[in-house]
Amino acid sequence: MKITDSLLKQMINEELLRVIIEEPTGIIREEDIDITETSQEHKTSLAIESFQRLYRHLDPDTRFFFTRWLEKALIRNLSVDQAIELTSKITSASKGNIEPKQPNKK
């Protein structure tokens, strides 16, 4: 018996099981996976595409003010580690511009 791609996909979909561990009791259950449910990656890509479509349709003034607002909102939500990383990159870049390397220095 030759297994075609469609038959193989059908067999895999029939055999897929999702294991769910119920937290308080620790009981393990198996349920069929809903293959019609879209994945998180697919939902994310759809959201990005719709946002890009909306952003392209904005006029330049609205785009400018939206970008400014988005920058401020993102900066407010930075974690401490992200802020430290960002400031260290800015500091090293500005230090490199102030004191350029001198490769011929002896």
Protein backbone atom coordinates (compact mmCIF):
# COMPACT_ATOMS: atom_id res chain seq x y z
CA MET A 1 0.00 0.00 0.00
CA LYS A 2 1.45 3.32 -1.05
CA ILE A 3 0.90 6.18 1.39
CA THR A 4 0.15 9.48 -0.28
CA ASP A 5 0.66 12.90 1.31
CA SER A 6 -3.04 13.41 1.90
CA LEU A 7 -3.43 9.95 3.46
CA LEU A 8 -0.43 10.58 5.71
CA LYS A 9 -1.86 13.95 6.84
CA GLN A 10 -5.21 12.30 7.53
CA MET A 11 -3.56 9.55 9.59
CA ILE A 12 -1.53 12.07 11.61
CA ASN A 13 -4.58 14.23 12.26
CA GLU A 14 -6.54 11.18 13.46
CA GLU A 15 -3.76 10.13 15.85
CA LEU A 16 -2.92 13.51 17.35
CA LEU A 17 -3.68 13.76 21.03
CA ARG A 18 -3.28 16.68 23.41
CA VAL A 19 -2.25 15.83 26.94
CA ILE A 20 -3.82 18.05 29.59
CA ILE A 21 -2.62 17.92 33.19
CA GLU A 22 -5.21 19.20 35.62
CA GLU A 23 -3.32 21.34 38.12
CA PRO A 24 -4.97 20.67 41.50
CA THR A 25 -5.30 16.90 41.12
CA GLY A 26 -2.45 16.10 38.73
CA ILE A 27 -4.72 13.87 36.65
CA ILE A 28 -3.58 13.47 33.03
CA ARG A 29 -6.29 13.54 30.35
CA GLU A 30 -6.05 13.12 26.62
CA GLU A 31 -8.31 15.06 24.27
CA ASP A 32 -8.47 15.27 20.51
CA ILE A 33 -6.78 18.35 19.09
CA ASP A 34 -9.06 20.66 17.18
CA ILE A 35 -7.22 20.95 13.88
CA THR A 36 -9.56 23.69 12.71
CA GLU A 37 -8.21 26.00 15.44
CA THR A 38 -5.70 28.47 14.02
CA SER A 39 -2.25 28.61 15.57
CA GLN A 40 -0.93 31.58 17.50
CA GLU A 41 1.67 32.21 14.80
CA HIS A 42 -1.08 32.43 12.19
CA LYS A 43 -3.11 34.82 14.36
CA THR A 44 -0.02 36.97 14.92
CA SER A 45 0.80 37.13 11.22
CA LEU A 46 -2.80 38.13 10.44
CA ALA A 47 -2.65 40.89 13.06
CA ILE A 48 0.64 42.20 11.66
CA GLU A 49 -0.71 42.20 8.11
CA SER A 50 -3.87 44.08 9.11
CA PHE A 51 -1.84 46.62 11.10
CA GLN A 52 0.52 47.20 8.17
CA ARG A 53 -2.46 47.66 5.85
CA LEU A 54 -3.98 50.22 8.24
CA TYR A 55 -0.66 52.04 8.69
CA ARG A 56 -0.12 52.36 4.93
CA HIS A 57 -3.51 54.01 4.54
CA LEU A 58 -2.80 56.75 7.10
CA ASP A 59 -1.95 60.22 5.87
CA PRO A 60 1.59 61.48 6.64
CA ASP A 61 0.57 63.78 9.53
CA THR A 62 -1.39 61.04 11.28
CA ARG A 63 1.47 58.61 10.69
CA PHE A 64 3.94 61.03 12.29
CA PHE A 65 1.83 61.60 15.43
CA PHE A 66 1.00 57.90 15.68
CA THR A 67 4.69 56.99 15.48
CA ARG A 68 5.54 59.53 18.20
CA TRP A 69 2.79 58.15 20.45
CA LEU A 70 3.89 54.55 19.80
CA GLU A 71 7.52 55.37 20.68
CA LYS A 72 6.44 56.93 23.99
CA ALA A 73 4.15 53.99 24.80
CA LEU A 74 6.90 51.46 24.08
CA ILE A 75 9.45 53.35 26.16
CA ARG A 76 7.03 53.45 29.11
CA ASN A 77 6.66 49.67 28.95
CA LEU A 78 10.38 48.83 28.87
CA SER A 79 11.66 46.46 31.50
CA VAL A 80 14.73 47.38 33.53
CA ASP A 81 16.93 44.96 31.56
CA GLN A 82 15.73 46.37 28.24
CA ALA A 83 16.34 49.94 29.44
CA ILE A 84 19.88 49.05 30.61
CA GLU A 85 20.64 47.38 27.27
CA LEU A 86 19.30 50.37 25.34
CA THR A 87 21.23 52.94 27.38
CA SER A 88 24.46 50.93 27.14
CA LYS A 89 24.14 50.80 23.34
CA ILE A 90 23.49 54.54 23.16
CA THR A 91 26.39 55.29 25.51
CA SER A 92 28.85 53.14 23.58
CA ALA A 93 27.72 54.61 20.25
CA SER A 94 28.10 58.18 21.48
CA LYS A 95 31.48 57.36 23.04
CA GLY A 96 32.62 55.89 19.73
CA ASN A 97 31.60 59.07 17.91
CA ILE A 98 33.35 61.32 20.43
CA GLU A 99 36.55 59.27 20.66
CA PRO A 100 37.14 57.54 17.30
CA LYS A 101 39.67 54.76 17.08
CA GLN A 102 43.20 55.69 16.08
CA PRO A 103 44.57 52.59 14.33
CA ASN A 104 47.98 54.22 13.63
CA LYS A 105 48.61 55.19 17.24
CA LYS A 106 51.89 53.75 18.60
